[in-house]
Amino acid sequence: VFAPTDQAFIELGVDLSTLNQSELSNILQYHVVGAEVPASAVTDCMSADAVNTQPLSFTVGESGVMVNDANVIMTDVISSNGLIHVIDKVLMPTDTPKDIPRTAKCTGEHDSLVAALIQAELVTTLAGEGPFTVFAPTDQAFVDAGFDLTSYDTPEGKAELTDLLQYHVLDSEVPSSAVTDCLSVNAINALPLSFTVDNGVMVNDANVVTPDVATSNGVIHVIDKVLTPTATPTDIPRTAQCTGYNTLVDAVIQADLLTTLQGD
């Protein structure tokens, strides 16, 4: 049992007497795992279903153990039929218990992105209420871009890194189903992102390789390139296509000039 303190219930700000039995039962069952799990068995990014069948997410870091967004402040309180771990928040039932930074941390392919977010001090922002949409380059995308985090280790570098990372974030939740061909949306650094829907979704020159990774405060779309902040994200062929010059674009394709006109 993950047991919230009395203060945790006060901070929740909900009058429990206003909840019906089913709602209250669901909240309480979300604090119970149907097995004895000592603190020593908890690992980083571990997930376990509560008895109401919804997932609980665990993080193990320098500051201790977290379950969802609650800190475990006392562990392994032994009882006759199991264990109690005391926590500082009431857990609200959800199918998406991890926020964007924690979800990225636990994918196993976004270590570079998470490290960059930490250095730019954007983790707290992206763990906020949101909702956000994040286009998350893979570790390989950072390698392909020749990304060296140490080169941003100055005040000017931090500002540049912040701008780059903010160019991967929208301040609303945009699922892949809402993306249309030639859609343009400003990232939170106020520069435009351009979208193409053809053989899959592209944002600028990056392919969306895994769309709609759900989190507690938005959605992640995994991409295969690091996006470079720019006020002109579309190349000549895509600009022509999105302004209605379809015949010209067809002619360029037939003449095998598409790659040439997409070059530098």
Protein backbone atom coordinates (compact mmCIF):
# COMPACT_ATOMS: atom_id res chain seq x y z
CA VAL A 1 0.00 0.00 0.00
CA PHE A 2 1.22 3.50 -0.92
CA ALA A 3 -0.19 5.50 1.97
CA PRO A 4 -0.64 9.28 1.60
CA THR A 5 -0.17 11.32 4.75
CA ASP A 6 -2.99 13.41 6.24
CA GLN A 7 -1.24 16.49 4.83
CA ALA A 8 -1.35 14.93 1.38
CA PHE A 9 -5.13 14.64 1.61
CA ILE A 10 -5.36 18.27 2.77
CA GLU A 11 -3.23 19.43 -0.17
CA LEU A 12 -5.42 17.44 -2.56
CA GLY A 13 -8.21 19.89 -1.72
CA VAL A 14 -11.01 17.40 -2.31
CA ASP A 15 -13.84 16.83 0.13
CA LEU A 16 -13.96 13.03 0.23
CA SER A 17 -17.57 13.14 1.42
CA THR A 18 -18.56 14.49 -2.01
CA LEU A 19 -17.23 11.40 -3.79
CA ASN A 20 -19.49 8.45 -4.43
CA GLN A 21 -18.41 5.02 -3.24
CA SER A 22 -17.22 3.94 -6.69
CA GLU A 23 -15.01 7.03 -7.17
CA LEU A 24 -13.50 6.76 -3.70
CA SER A 25 -12.92 3.02 -4.09
CA ASN A 26 -11.13 3.56 -7.42
CA ILE A 27 -8.80 6.19 -5.89
CA LEU A 28 -7.96 3.98 -2.93
CA GLN A 29 -7.42 0.88 -5.06
CA TYR A 30 -4.95 2.89 -7.13
CA HIS A 31 -2.75 3.01 -4.03
CA VAL A 32 -2.58 -0.78 -3.70
CA VAL A 33 -0.45 -3.35 -5.54
CA GLY A 34 -1.53 -6.99 -5.24
CA ALA A 35 1.92 -8.20 -4.20
CA GLU A 36 4.50 -7.43 -1.52
CA VAL A 37 7.04 -5.08 -3.11
CA PRO A 38 9.84 -3.92 -0.78
CA ALA A 39 11.72 -0.73 -1.60
CA SER A 40 14.78 -2.79 -2.56
CA ALA A 41 12.80 -4.37 -5.43
CA VAL A 42 11.89 -1.03 -7.03
CA THR A 43 13.96 -0.08 -10.08
CA ASP A 44 14.06 3.04 -12.20
CA CYS A 45 11.31 3.18 -14.86
CA MET A 46 9.57 0.18 -13.34
CA SER A 47 5.81 -0.05 -13.89
CA ALA A 48 3.28 -2.07 -11.91
CA ASP A 49 -0.49 -2.30 -12.13
CA ALA A 50 -2.51 -1.26 -9.10
CA VAL A 51 -5.46 -3.42 -8.09
CA ASN A 52 -7.77 -1.14 -10.11
CA THR A 53 -5.73 -2.35 -13.16
CA GLN A 54 -4.22 1.07 -13.94
CA PRO A 55 -0.43 1.49 -14.08
CA LEU A 56 1.83 3.00 -11.44
CA SER A 57 5.18 4.36 -12.58
CA PHE A 58 8.35 4.38 -10.47
CA THR A 59 11.45 6.55 -10.65
CA VAL A 60 14.62 5.95 -8.68
CA GLY A 61 17.00 8.92 -8.57
CA GLU A 62 19.38 10.83 -6.34
CA SER A 63 16.45 12.34 -4.45
CA GLY A 64 14.92 8.94 -3.69
CA VAL A 65 11.97 6.91 -4.98
CA MET A 66 8.89 8.36 -6.64
CA VAL A 67 5.63 6.66 -7.53
CA ASN A 68 3.94 8.70 -10.25
CA ASP A 69 4.46 12.29 -8.99
CA ALA A 70 4.57 11.39 -5.29
CA ASN A 71 7.71 11.05 -3.20
CA VAL A 72 8.11 7.95 -1.04
CA ILE A 73 9.04 9.50 2.31
CA MET A 74 9.05 6.31 4.41
CA THR A 75 9.58 2.78 3.12
CA ASP A 76 8.94 -0.80 4.18
CA VAL A 77 6.56 -0.28 7.10
CA ILE A 78 5.92 -3.92 7.97
CA SER A 79 2.43 -5.21 8.67
CA SER A 80 1.00 -8.71 9.16
CA ASN A 81 -0.17 -8.97 5.57
CA GLY A 82 2.14 -6.79 3.52
CA LEU A 83 4.06 -3.53 3.37
CA ILE A 84 3.23 0.16 3.57
CA HIS A 85 5.22 2.87 1.80
CA VAL A 86 4.31 6.38 2.98
CA ILE A 87 3.96 8.99 0.21
CA ASP A 88 3.46 12.76 0.18
CA LYS A 89 0.67 13.00 -2.42
CA VAL A 90 -2.63 11.34 -3.15
CA LEU A 91 -2.36 9.38 -6.40
CA MET A 92 -5.15 10.04 -8.89
CA PRO A 93 -6.03 7.11 -11.17
CA THR A 94 -4.64 7.50 -14.70
CA ASP A 95 -3.51 5.41 -17.63
CA THR A 96 -0.58 7.80 -18.25
CA PRO A 97 1.28 8.26 -14.97
CA LYS A 98 4.54 9.67 -16.39
CA ASP A 99 5.08 13.26 -17.54
CA ILE A 100 7.05 14.11 -20.70
CA PRO A 101 10.59 14.15 -19.22
CA ARG A 102 10.06 10.93 -17.27
CA THR A 103 8.52 9.22 -20.30
CA ALA A 104 11.49 10.28 -22.44
CA LYS A 105 13.91 9.08 -19.77
CA CYS A 106 12.30 5.64 -19.73
CA THR A 107 12.18 4.98 -23.49
CA GLY A 108 15.85 4.01 -23.64
CA GLU A 109 16.44 6.02 -26.82
CA HIS A 110 16.25 9.59 -25.55
CA ASP A 111 19.18 9.87 -23.12
CA SER A 112 20.72 12.71 -25.16
CA LEU A 113 17.46 14.64 -25.19
CA VAL A 114 16.99 14.25 -21.44
CA ALA A 115 20.58 15.33 -20.77
CA ALA A 116 20.04 18.41 -22.93
CA LEU A 117 16.79 19.26 -21.13
CA ILE A 118 18.59 19.00 -17.79
CA GLN A 119 21.44 21.26 -18.94
CA ALA A 120 18.98 23.83 -20.34
CA GLU A 121 16.92 23.66 -17.12
CA LEU A 122 13.76 22.80 -19.06
CA VAL A 123 12.80 19.64 -17.17
CA THR A 124 10.56 21.47 -14.68
CA THR A 125 8.82 23.30 -17.54
CA LEU A 126 8.08 20.11 -19.48
CA ALA A 127 6.97 18.35 -16.29
CA GLY A 128 4.40 21.09 -15.79
CA GLU A 129 0.68 20.99 -16.38
CA GLY A 130 0.87 21.56 -20.12
CA PRO A 131 -0.41 20.14 -22.31
CA PHE A 132 2.61 20.03 -24.59
CA THR A 133 3.58 18.30 -27.81
CA VAL A 134 7.24 17.32 -28.00
CA PHE A 135 9.06 16.18 -31.13
CA ALA A 136 11.72 14.00 -29.53
CA PRO A 137 14.88 13.21 -31.53
CA THR A 138 16.38 9.80 -30.84
CA ASP A 139 19.89 9.36 -29.47
CA GLN A 140 20.97 8.38 -32.99
CA ALA A 141 19.55 11.65 -34.31
CA PHE A 142 21.78 13.56 -31.91
CA VAL A 143 24.77 11.47 -33.03
CA ASP A 144 23.94 12.14 -36.69
CA ALA A 145 23.76 15.88 -35.94
CA GLY A 146 27.22 15.81 -34.34
CA PHE A 147 25.68 17.12 -31.15
CA ASP A 148 28.17 17.86 -28.37
CA LEU A 149 26.50 18.99 -25.17
CA THR A 150 29.76 20.36 -23.75
CA SER A 151 29.82 23.00 -26.49
CA TYR A 152 26.76 24.62 -24.89
CA ASP A 153 28.34 24.91 -21.44
CA THR A 154 28.38 28.72 -21.34
CA PRO A 155 25.63 31.32 -20.74
CA GLU A 156 25.49 31.97 -24.49
CA GLY A 157 25.53 28.25 -25.19
CA LYS A 158 22.73 27.63 -22.72
CA ALA A 159 20.59 30.27 -24.48
CA GLU A 160 21.30 28.60 -27.85
CA LEU A 161 20.51 25.15 -26.43
CA THR A 162 17.28 26.43 -24.90
CA ASP A 163 16.21 27.89 -28.24
CA LEU A 164 17.01 24.63 -30.03
CA LEU A 165 15.05 22.52 -27.55
CA GLN A 166 12.09 24.91 -27.46
CA TYR A 167 11.90 24.52 -31.25
CA HIS A 168 10.88 20.91 -30.59
CA VAL A 169 7.91 21.86 -28.37
CA LEU A 170 4.34 23.05 -28.99
CA ASP A 171 2.28 24.56 -26.19
CA SER A 172 -0.75 22.41 -27.03
CA GLU A 173 -1.44 18.72 -27.53
CA VAL A 174 -1.40 17.84 -31.23
CA PRO A 175 -1.98 14.16 -32.01
CA SER A 176 -0.81 12.80 -35.35
CA SER A 177 -4.45 12.56 -36.48
CA ALA A 178 -4.66 16.38 -36.34
CA VAL A 179 -1.69 16.91 -38.66
CA THR A 180 -2.57 17.85 -42.23
CA ASP A 181 -0.37 18.37 -45.27
CA CYS A 182 1.26 21.82 -45.34
CA LEU A 183 0.20 22.57 -41.77
CA SER A 184 2.38 25.20 -40.09
CA VAL A 185 2.49 25.72 -36.31
CA ASN A 186 4.75 27.91 -34.20
CA ALA A 187 6.96 26.20 -31.62
CA ILE A 188 7.26 27.81 -28.19
CA ASN A 189 10.32 29.76 -29.37
CA ALA A 190 7.93 31.50 -31.84
CA LEU A 191 9.52 29.97 -34.97
CA PRO A 192 7.40 27.92 -37.40
CA LEU A 193 7.37 24.16 -37.82
CA SER A 194 6.19 22.81 -41.17
CA PHE A 195 4.38 19.50 -41.64
CA THR A 196 4.04 17.17 -44.60
CA VAL A 197 1.73 14.16 -44.81
CA ASP A 198 2.65 11.79 -47.61
CA ASN A 199 4.32 8.47 -46.89
CA GLY A 200 4.09 9.19 -43.17
CA VAL A 201 4.35 12.46 -41.29
CA MET A 202 7.33 14.80 -41.52
CA VAL A 203 8.09 17.86 -39.40
CA ASN A 204 10.51 20.10 -41.30
CA ASP A 205 13.04 17.56 -42.66
CA ALA A 206 12.55 14.96 -39.91
CA ASN A 207 10.43 11.83 -40.14
CA VAL A 208 8.03 11.00 -37.33
CA VAL A 209 9.05 7.42 -36.61
CA THR A 210 6.81 6.81 -33.58
CA PRO A 211 3.76 9.03 -33.16
CA ASP A 212 1.42 9.61 -30.21
CA VAL A 213 3.42 8.43 -27.21
CA ALA A 214 0.97 9.39 -24.46
CA THR A 215 2.14 11.09 -21.28
CA SER A 216 0.39 12.66 -18.30
CA ASN A 217 0.84 16.19 -19.65
CA GLY A 218 0.86 15.87 -23.41
CA VAL A 219 2.14 13.75 -26.27
CA ILE A 220 5.55 12.81 -27.67
CA HIS A 221 6.26 12.18 -31.35
CA VAL A 222 9.62 10.47 -31.88
CA ILE A 223 11.61 11.91 -34.81
CA ASP A 224 14.79 10.85 -36.59
CA LYS A 225 16.54 14.23 -36.82
CA VAL A 226 17.35 17.17 -34.56
CA LEU A 227 15.39 20.20 -35.76
CA THR A 228 17.39 23.38 -36.41
CA PRO A 229 15.52 26.57 -35.45
CA THR A 230 14.62 28.53 -38.58
CA ALA A 231 12.04 30.99 -39.83
CA THR A 232 11.95 29.17 -43.22
CA PRO A 233 11.47 25.46 -42.51
CA THR A 234 10.32 24.38 -45.99
CA ASP A 235 12.66 23.86 -48.94
CA ILE A 236 11.82 24.97 -52.52
CA PRO A 237 9.84 21.88 -53.65
CA ARG A 238 7.81 21.74 -50.43
CA THR A 239 7.16 25.48 -50.54
CA ALA A 240 5.97 25.16 -54.13
CA GLN A 241 3.76 22.21 -53.24
CA CYS A 242 2.18 24.04 -50.32
CA THR A 243 1.45 27.16 -52.35
CA GLY A 244 -0.49 25.19 -54.97
CA TYR A 245 2.10 24.76 -57.73
CA ASN A 246 1.32 21.08 -58.16
CA THR A 247 2.12 20.90 -61.88
CA LEU A 248 5.56 22.40 -61.28
CA VAL A 249 6.24 19.93 -58.49
CA ASP A 250 5.12 17.02 -60.70
CA ALA A 251 7.45 18.23 -63.44
CA VAL A 252 10.38 18.52 -61.02
CA ILE A 253 9.76 14.97 -59.82
CA GLN A 254 9.50 13.62 -63.39
CA ALA A 255 12.76 15.37 -64.33
CA ASP A 256 14.51 13.82 -61.29
CA LEU A 257 15.31 17.30 -59.97
CA LEU A 258 13.60 16.94 -56.61
CA THR A 259 16.75 16.00 -54.68
CA THR A 260 18.71 18.78 -56.36
CA LEU A 261 16.14 21.43 -55.40
CA GLN A 262 15.98 20.09 -51.86
CA GLY A 263 19.75 20.50 -51.44
CA ASP A 264 21.75 23.29 -49.85
